[in-house]
Amino acid sequence: MIMLKKVSILLFLLSMLNLSACGNKPYGHYEDNKMIGIVQQIQPENNLFEVDISQWHKRDVRGSVNDYGVTITVPITDELVIKNEDGTLSDLSLIKIGQKVLVNPPKDVIEGEYKAKEVILLNMTYEEKYDRLLSKNKDKYLTTVFWGEMDTSSSELESKLIGLVSHSTINFSTYPEKNYVVNYEKELDIEKYPVMLVFDTEKLVFKTYDVDELIEFFNT
């Protein structure tokens, strides 16, 4: 009788672990009828824009998710309605790269022709707007080096930054970017380029225009 109880308990625990593993959907918070994505590219000359719906598309994937991208092309037609989350009308000129949008109707099958009827510009949280600058690792910073439009990469600067990889992940990008949803230059009070921005998982912790100051920050 005691042995039977132990076996029953063991089977119960195994079934619970199996259900937990099967139910692990990293993007399971997305809803089937709400195709949400991020504007990736805008081509007004071709009357279209592209939306990255990778996370929404992977909403039913359990466990480890492969790092592949899924985008849809949204043609600009006379029937397409573009509006803000509060219901007020908007238009293509107000859509920015990096903008979070809800596109209707959903498109489950990526291949084939698609015609959207409605695009809603969604309000974005601080975390969503600063996602590219925030560290994904609590034990490591993320340092983003923004070059100005007219700047060219400095091999000397890059070689110095390589020595900091044990403290921080290093990303390089050109800024200011045209038509981006966040004006980092204004919000982070960037005065010149290149600029080095150090973020933890929540906020900016250090900003400098001098690589030696950055090295000193990590060594203190």
Protein backbone atom coordinates (compact mmCIF):
# COMPACT_ATOMS: atom_id res chain seq x y z
CA MET A 1 0.00 0.00 0.00
CA ILE A 2 2.84 2.38 0.94
CA MET A 3 4.71 1.47 -2.26
CA LEU A 4 1.56 2.17 -4.31
CA LYS A 5 1.26 5.63 -2.73
CA LYS A 6 4.92 6.41 -3.51
CA VAL A 7 4.44 5.37 -7.14
CA SER A 8 1.28 7.49 -7.40
CA ILE A 9 3.04 10.53 -5.94
CA LEU A 10 5.99 10.04 -8.30
CA LEU A 11 3.71 9.76 -11.33
CA PHE A 12 1.84 12.89 -10.22
CA LEU A 13 5.06 14.89 -9.86
CA LEU A 14 6.30 13.70 -13.26
CA SER A 15 3.01 14.66 -14.91
CA MET A 16 3.13 18.11 -13.31
CA LEU A 17 6.69 18.64 -14.54
CA ASN A 18 5.66 17.53 -18.04
CA LEU A 19 2.69 19.91 -18.08
CA SER A 20 4.91 22.75 -16.87
CA ALA A 21 7.46 22.10 -19.63
CA CYS A 22 4.77 21.84 -22.30
CA GLY A 23 3.13 25.02 -21.14
CA ASN A 24 6.31 27.11 -21.33
CA LYS A 25 5.60 29.53 -24.16
CA PRO A 26 8.05 32.46 -24.15
CA TYR A 27 5.65 34.51 -26.31
CA GLY A 28 2.45 32.96 -25.04
CA HIS A 29 1.12 36.33 -23.88
CA TYR A 30 0.33 37.24 -27.51
CA GLU A 31 -3.28 36.67 -28.57
CA ASP A 32 -4.25 34.92 -31.82
CA ASN A 33 -6.60 37.71 -32.89
CA LYS A 34 -4.15 40.56 -32.11
CA MET A 35 -1.25 40.59 -34.56
CA ILE A 36 1.20 42.93 -32.85
CA GLY A 37 4.61 43.81 -34.24
CA ILE A 38 7.26 46.48 -34.66
CA VAL A 39 7.60 48.68 -37.75
CA GLN A 40 10.89 47.74 -39.35
CA GLN A 41 10.95 49.68 -42.60
CA ILE A 42 8.89 52.37 -44.30
CA GLN A 43 8.85 52.91 -48.07
CA PRO A 44 6.48 55.80 -48.84
CA GLU A 45 7.70 55.88 -52.43
CA ASN A 46 6.42 52.32 -52.85
CA ASN A 47 3.31 52.82 -50.71
CA LEU A 48 4.20 50.16 -48.17
CA PHE A 49 5.86 49.45 -44.87
CA GLU A 50 7.15 46.31 -43.18
CA VAL A 51 6.27 45.03 -39.72
CA ASP A 52 8.29 42.52 -37.73
CA ILE A 53 5.78 40.07 -36.22
CA SER A 54 8.36 37.48 -35.11
CA GLN A 55 7.24 37.26 -31.49
CA TRP A 56 3.52 37.16 -32.33
CA HIS A 57 4.19 34.49 -34.96
CA LYS A 58 6.00 32.34 -32.34
CA ARG A 59 3.26 32.68 -29.71
CA ASP A 60 2.50 28.94 -29.70
CA VAL A 61 6.12 27.77 -29.68
CA ARG A 62 7.04 25.98 -26.46
CA GLY A 63 10.45 25.86 -24.83
CA SER A 64 13.48 27.20 -26.66
CA VAL A 65 12.59 29.53 -29.55
CA ASN A 66 14.75 29.69 -32.67
CA ASP A 67 16.11 33.14 -33.45
CA TYR A 68 14.52 33.74 -36.84
CA GLY A 69 12.61 36.77 -38.05
CA VAL A 70 9.16 37.00 -39.57
CA THR A 71 7.97 40.16 -41.33
CA ILE A 72 4.89 41.13 -43.27
CA THR A 73 4.52 43.80 -45.92
CA VAL A 74 1.62 46.19 -45.40
CA PRO A 75 0.56 47.92 -48.66
CA ILE A 76 -0.82 51.44 -48.31
CA THR A 77 -4.23 51.40 -49.99
CA ASP A 78 -7.18 53.77 -50.02
CA GLU A 79 -9.06 51.30 -47.81
CA LEU A 80 -6.34 51.06 -45.15
CA VAL A 81 -7.24 52.87 -41.92
CA ILE A 82 -4.34 54.12 -39.78
CA LYS A 83 -5.22 55.33 -36.30
CA ASN A 84 -3.88 55.86 -32.80
CA GLU A 85 -4.73 53.68 -29.83
CA ASP A 86 -7.24 56.29 -28.60
CA GLY A 87 -9.17 55.96 -31.89
CA THR A 88 -8.06 59.23 -33.51
CA LEU A 89 -7.00 59.00 -37.14
CA SER A 90 -3.34 59.04 -38.14
CA ASP A 91 -1.43 58.56 -41.40
CA LEU A 92 1.72 57.08 -42.87
CA SER A 93 3.79 60.23 -42.24
CA LEU A 94 3.36 59.72 -38.48
CA ILE A 95 4.51 56.11 -38.42
CA LYS A 96 8.07 55.71 -37.12
CA ILE A 97 10.66 52.96 -37.32
CA GLY A 98 10.45 50.97 -34.09
CA GLN A 99 6.76 51.84 -33.54
CA LYS A 100 4.65 49.12 -31.94
CA VAL A 101 1.56 48.45 -34.03
CA LEU A 102 -1.51 46.24 -34.15
CA VAL A 103 -2.34 45.13 -37.69
CA ASN A 104 -5.77 43.78 -38.65
CA PRO A 105 -6.73 41.26 -39.77
CA PRO A 106 -4.10 38.80 -38.47
CA LYS A 107 -2.13 36.87 -41.04
CA ASP A 108 -1.26 33.38 -39.87
CA VAL A 109 0.05 32.10 -43.17
CA ILE A 110 3.11 34.21 -44.01
CA GLU A 111 3.31 33.17 -47.68
CA GLY A 112 0.92 34.67 -50.19
CA GLU A 113 -0.67 38.05 -50.79
CA TYR A 114 -1.84 40.02 -47.78
CA LYS A 115 -4.01 43.11 -47.52
CA ALA A 116 -4.31 44.86 -44.16
CA LYS A 117 -7.48 46.77 -43.34
CA GLU A 118 -6.40 48.59 -40.19
CA VAL A 119 -3.17 49.62 -38.46
CA ILE A 120 -3.28 50.90 -34.88
CA LEU A 121 -0.28 52.80 -33.47
CA LEU A 122 0.07 51.46 -29.93
CA ASN A 123 1.34 53.31 -26.88
CA MET A 124 4.76 52.07 -25.83
CA THR A 125 6.26 51.57 -22.39
CA TYR A 126 9.69 52.84 -21.41
CA GLU A 127 11.00 49.26 -21.58
CA GLU A 128 9.68 48.85 -25.12
CA LYS A 129 11.11 52.17 -26.33
CA TYR A 130 14.51 51.51 -24.76
CA ASP A 131 14.66 47.77 -25.41
CA ARG A 132 17.65 48.03 -27.74
CA LEU A 133 19.67 49.90 -25.09
CA LEU A 134 18.71 47.92 -21.98
CA SER A 135 20.90 45.04 -20.82
CA LYS A 136 19.26 41.62 -20.92
CA ASN A 137 21.65 40.29 -18.28
CA LYS A 138 21.40 41.42 -14.65
CA ASP A 139 25.08 40.63 -14.13
CA LYS A 140 26.35 42.57 -17.13
CA TYR A 141 25.93 46.05 -18.58
CA LEU A 142 25.08 46.85 -22.19
CA THR A 143 27.21 49.63 -23.68
CA THR A 144 25.98 51.20 -26.90
CA VAL A 145 28.39 53.36 -28.91
CA PHE A 146 26.55 55.78 -31.18
CA TRP A 147 28.58 57.22 -34.04
CA GLY A 148 27.36 60.43 -35.63
CA GLU A 149 26.13 60.40 -39.22
CA MET A 150 29.42 61.80 -40.51
CA ASP A 151 31.67 59.80 -38.17
CA THR A 152 33.67 56.78 -39.25
CA SER A 153 34.57 53.86 -37.04
CA SER A 154 37.75 54.38 -35.03
CA SER A 155 39.86 51.21 -34.78
CA GLU A 156 41.67 52.66 -31.75
CA LEU A 157 38.42 53.26 -29.89
CA GLU A 158 37.10 49.82 -30.79
CA SER A 159 40.29 48.07 -29.69
CA LYS A 160 40.07 49.79 -26.29
CA LEU A 161 36.43 48.79 -25.91
CA ILE A 162 37.16 45.13 -26.65
CA GLY A 163 38.99 44.99 -23.33
CA LEU A 164 35.73 45.79 -21.53
CA VAL A 165 33.72 42.79 -22.72
CA SER A 166 34.01 41.07 -19.34
CA HIS A 167 32.04 43.97 -17.82
CA SER A 168 29.67 44.80 -20.63
CA THR A 169 28.31 43.74 -23.99
CA ILE A 170 29.36 46.33 -26.60
CA ASN A 171 27.12 47.44 -29.48
CA PHE A 172 27.92 49.94 -32.24
CA SER A 173 25.33 51.92 -34.17
CA THR A 174 25.00 55.07 -36.27
CA TYR A 175 22.86 57.86 -34.84
CA PRO A 176 20.82 60.00 -35.19
CA GLU A 177 18.65 57.57 -37.12
CA LYS A 178 16.04 59.05 -39.40
CA ASN A 179 12.40 58.62 -38.47
CA TYR A 180 13.01 56.50 -35.35
CA VAL A 181 10.24 56.25 -32.74
CA VAL A 182 12.50 57.54 -29.93
CA ASN A 183 14.64 60.67 -30.16
CA TYR A 184 17.51 59.36 -28.05
CA GLU A 185 19.54 62.47 -28.87
CA LYS A 186 16.96 64.64 -27.11
CA GLU A 187 15.87 62.27 -24.34
CA LEU A 188 19.44 61.36 -23.31
CA ASP A 189 20.81 64.87 -23.85
CA ILE A 190 23.46 63.76 -26.34
CA GLU A 191 25.64 66.73 -27.30
CA LYS A 192 28.16 65.15 -29.68
CA TYR A 193 29.43 61.91 -31.20
CA PRO A 194 30.70 59.34 -30.65
CA VAL A 195 28.88 58.86 -27.37
CA MET A 196 29.05 55.83 -25.09
CA LEU A 197 25.89 54.87 -23.18
CA VAL A 198 25.99 52.29 -20.41
CA PHE A 199 22.67 50.71 -19.37
CA ASP A 200 21.77 48.09 -16.82
CA THR A 201 18.47 46.20 -17.11
CA GLU A 202 16.46 49.29 -16.12
CA LYS A 203 18.15 52.59 -16.91
CA LEU A 204 21.12 54.62 -18.09
CA VAL A 205 23.90 54.38 -15.50
CA PHE A 206 26.74 56.19 -17.30
CA LYS A 207 27.26 58.41 -20.33
CA THR A 208 30.54 59.68 -21.70
CA TYR A 209 32.24 60.93 -24.84
CA ASP A 210 35.67 59.78 -23.65
CA VAL A 211 36.69 56.12 -23.87
CA ASP A 212 39.18 56.53 -21.02
CA GLU A 213 36.36 57.72 -18.76
CA LEU A 214 34.40 54.64 -19.73
CA ILE A 215 37.36 52.39 -18.88
CA GLU A 216 37.70 54.17 -15.53
CA PHE A 217 33.98 53.66 -14.83
CA PHE A 218 34.31 49.89 -15.30
CA ASN A 219 37.51 49.67 -13.28
CA THR A 220 36.17 51.45 -10.18
